[in-house]
Amino acid sequence: MLTKTQQVYLDRYQCDTHEVPYFEAGRLSIPADLLLRSKLTGYDKFHRDLLGPLGSQTVHLERERSDGPGWYSLLEKDFRAE
């Protein structure tokens, strides 16, 4: 079973760039530092504090249709291992 922790916001530009949905369900595996750099206006302190310490470690994000637009849950488990 997947365990969800914090949520991370991806704006429309990031969703298009990383080819994931903004409104629909989706999944993304990406290095944390690449995700941080991909936001054109930069992330707020919450996101920098959450993702920054992870460096180039791959994070696994999942969004359900019921989540707010652009909000992805940071998963504790790699969903690719399912």
C-alpha atoms as a PDB file:
ATOM      1  CA  MET A   1       0.000   0.000   0.000  1.00  0.00           C
ATOM      2  CA  LEU A   2       1.243   3.472  -0.849  1.00  0.00           C
ATOM      3  CA  THR A   3       1.716   5.941   1.954  1.00  0.00           C
ATOM      4  CA  LYS A   4       1.219   9.640   1.180  1.00  0.00           C
ATOM      5  CA  THR A   5       3.031  12.344   3.089  1.00  0.00           C
ATOM      6  CA  GLN A   6       3.341  16.025   2.153  1.00  0.00           C
ATOM      7  CA  GLN A   7       1.865  17.566  -0.973  1.00  0.00           C
ATOM      8  CA  VAL A   8       3.909  19.421  -3.571  1.00  0.00           C
ATOM      9  CA  TYR A   9       2.494  21.942  -6.051  1.00  0.00           C
ATOM     10  CA  LEU A  10       3.340  21.820  -9.749  1.00  0.00           C
ATOM     11  CA  ASP A  11       2.159  24.786 -11.799  1.00  0.00           C
ATOM     12  CA  ARG A  12       0.769  24.457 -15.331  1.00  0.00           C
ATOM     13  CA  TYR A  13       4.190  25.089 -16.892  1.00  0.00           C
ATOM     14  CA  GLN A  14       5.800  22.339 -14.784  1.00  0.00           C
ATOM     15  CA  CYS A  15       3.021  19.885 -15.589  1.00  0.00           C
ATOM     16  CA  ASP A  16       3.468  20.566 -19.310  1.00  0.00           C
ATOM     17  CA  THR A  17       7.265  20.356 -19.053  1.00  0.00           C
ATOM     18  CA  HIS A  18       7.221  17.069 -17.122  1.00  0.00           C
ATOM     19  CA  GLU A  19       4.286  15.731 -19.164  1.00  0.00           C
ATOM     20  CA  VAL A  20       1.955  15.125 -16.229  1.00  0.00           C
ATOM     21  CA  PRO A  21      -1.646  16.273 -15.780  1.00  0.00           C
ATOM     22  CA  TYR A  22      -2.612  19.407 -13.910  1.00  0.00           C
ATOM     23  CA  PHE A  23      -6.238  18.360 -13.337  1.00  0.00           C
ATOM     24  CA  GLU A  24      -6.360  14.588 -13.868  1.00  0.00           C
ATOM     25  CA  ALA A  25      -4.744  11.720 -11.957  1.00  0.00           C
ATOM     26  CA  GLY A  26      -1.053  11.224 -12.642  1.00  0.00           C
ATOM     27  CA  ARG A  27       2.339  10.112 -11.390  1.00  0.00           C
ATOM     28  CA  LEU A  28       5.840  11.517 -11.650  1.00  0.00           C
ATOM     29  CA  SER A  29       9.297  10.358 -10.559  1.00  0.00           C
ATOM     30  CA  ILE A  30      11.860  13.152 -10.688  1.00  0.00           C
ATOM     31  CA  PRO A  31      15.032  14.239  -8.878  1.00  0.00           C
ATOM     32  CA  ALA A  32      14.081  16.720  -6.146  1.00  0.00           C
ATOM     33  CA  ASP A  33      16.628  19.318  -7.282  1.00  0.00           C
ATOM     34  CA  LEU A  34      15.346  19.191 -10.862  1.00  0.00           C
ATOM     35  CA  LEU A  35      11.784  19.696  -9.648  1.00  0.00           C
ATOM     36  CA  LEU A  36      12.864  22.711  -7.572  1.00  0.00           C
ATOM     37  CA  ARG A  37      14.688  24.255 -10.546  1.00  0.00           C
ATOM     38  CA  SER A  38      11.763  23.671 -12.920  1.00  0.00           C
ATOM     39  CA  LYS A  39       9.474  26.245 -11.276  1.00  0.00           C
ATOM     40  CA  LEU A  40      10.066  29.484 -13.178  1.00  0.00           C
ATOM     41  CA  THR A  41       9.065  31.777 -10.296  1.00  0.00           C
ATOM     42  CA  GLY A  42      10.826  29.637  -7.685  1.00  0.00           C
ATOM     43  CA  TYR A  43       9.317  27.676  -4.844  1.00  0.00           C
ATOM     44  CA  ASP A  44       8.280  29.067  -1.474  1.00  0.00           C
ATOM     45  CA  LYS A  45      10.089  28.245   1.784  1.00  0.00           C
ATOM     46  CA  PHE A  46       7.850  25.247   2.536  1.00  0.00           C
ATOM     47  CA  HIS A  47       8.724  23.545  -0.761  1.00  0.00           C
ATOM     48  CA  ARG A  48      12.426  24.460  -0.544  1.00  0.00           C
ATOM     49  CA  ASP A  49      12.626  23.082   3.014  1.00  0.00           C
ATOM     50  CA  LEU A  50      10.821  19.889   1.983  1.00  0.00           C
ATOM     51  CA  LEU A  51      12.641  19.156  -1.277  1.00  0.00           C
ATOM     52  CA  GLY A  52      15.980  20.928  -0.843  1.00  0.00           C
ATOM     53  CA  PRO A  53      17.543  18.457   1.608  1.00  0.00           C
ATOM     54  CA  LEU A  54      16.766  15.599  -0.792  1.00  0.00           C
ATOM     55  CA  GLY A  55      19.259  16.922  -3.350  1.00  0.00           C
ATOM     56  CA  SER A  56      19.308  14.738  -6.456  1.00  0.00           C
ATOM     57  CA  GLN A  57      17.334  11.940  -4.777  1.00  0.00           C
ATOM     58  CA  THR A  58      14.372  10.826  -6.887  1.00  0.00           C
ATOM     59  CA  VAL A  59      10.991  11.718  -5.420  1.00  0.00           C
ATOM     60  CA  HIS A  60       7.792   9.966  -6.379  1.00  0.00           C
ATOM     61  CA  LEU A  61       4.675  12.064  -6.740  1.00  0.00           C
ATOM     62  CA  GLU A  62       1.086  11.027  -7.312  1.00  0.00           C
ATOM     63  CA  ARG A  63      -2.054  13.043  -7.901  1.00  0.00           C
ATOM     64  CA  GLU A  64      -5.624  11.846  -7.758  1.00  0.00           C
ATOM     65  CA  ARG A  65      -8.486  13.531  -9.610  1.00  0.00           C
ATOM     66  CA  SER A  66      -9.911  14.623  -6.267  1.00  0.00           C
ATOM     67  CA  ASP A  67      -6.723  16.550  -5.374  1.00  0.00           C
ATOM     68  CA  GLY A  68      -6.602  20.270  -6.012  1.00  0.00           C
ATOM     69  CA  PRO A  69      -5.265  21.254  -9.445  1.00  0.00           C
ATOM     70  CA  GLY A  70      -1.498  20.819  -9.593  1.00  0.00           C
ATOM     71  CA  TRP A  71      -1.169  19.252  -6.125  1.00  0.00           C
ATOM     72  CA  TYR A  72       0.786  15.985  -5.997  1.00  0.00           C
ATOM     73  CA  SER A  73       1.352  13.831  -2.925  1.00  0.00           C
ATOM     74  CA  LEU A  74       4.944  12.943  -2.115  1.00  0.00           C
ATOM     75  CA  LEU A  75       5.004   9.164  -1.712  1.00  0.00           C
ATOM     76  CA  GLU A  76       7.135   7.327   0.824  1.00  0.00           C
ATOM     77  CA  LYS A  77       7.352   4.290  -1.451  1.00  0.00           C
ATOM     78  CA  ASP A  78       8.494   4.027  -5.042  1.00  0.00           C
ATOM     79  CA  PHE A  79       5.317   3.184  -6.982  1.00  0.00           C
ATOM     80  CA  ARG A  80       7.428   1.765  -9.817  1.00  0.00           C
ATOM     81  CA  ALA A  81       8.263  -1.175  -7.527  1.00  0.00           C
ATOM     82  CA  GLU A  82       4.601  -2.294  -7.475  1.00  0.00           C
END
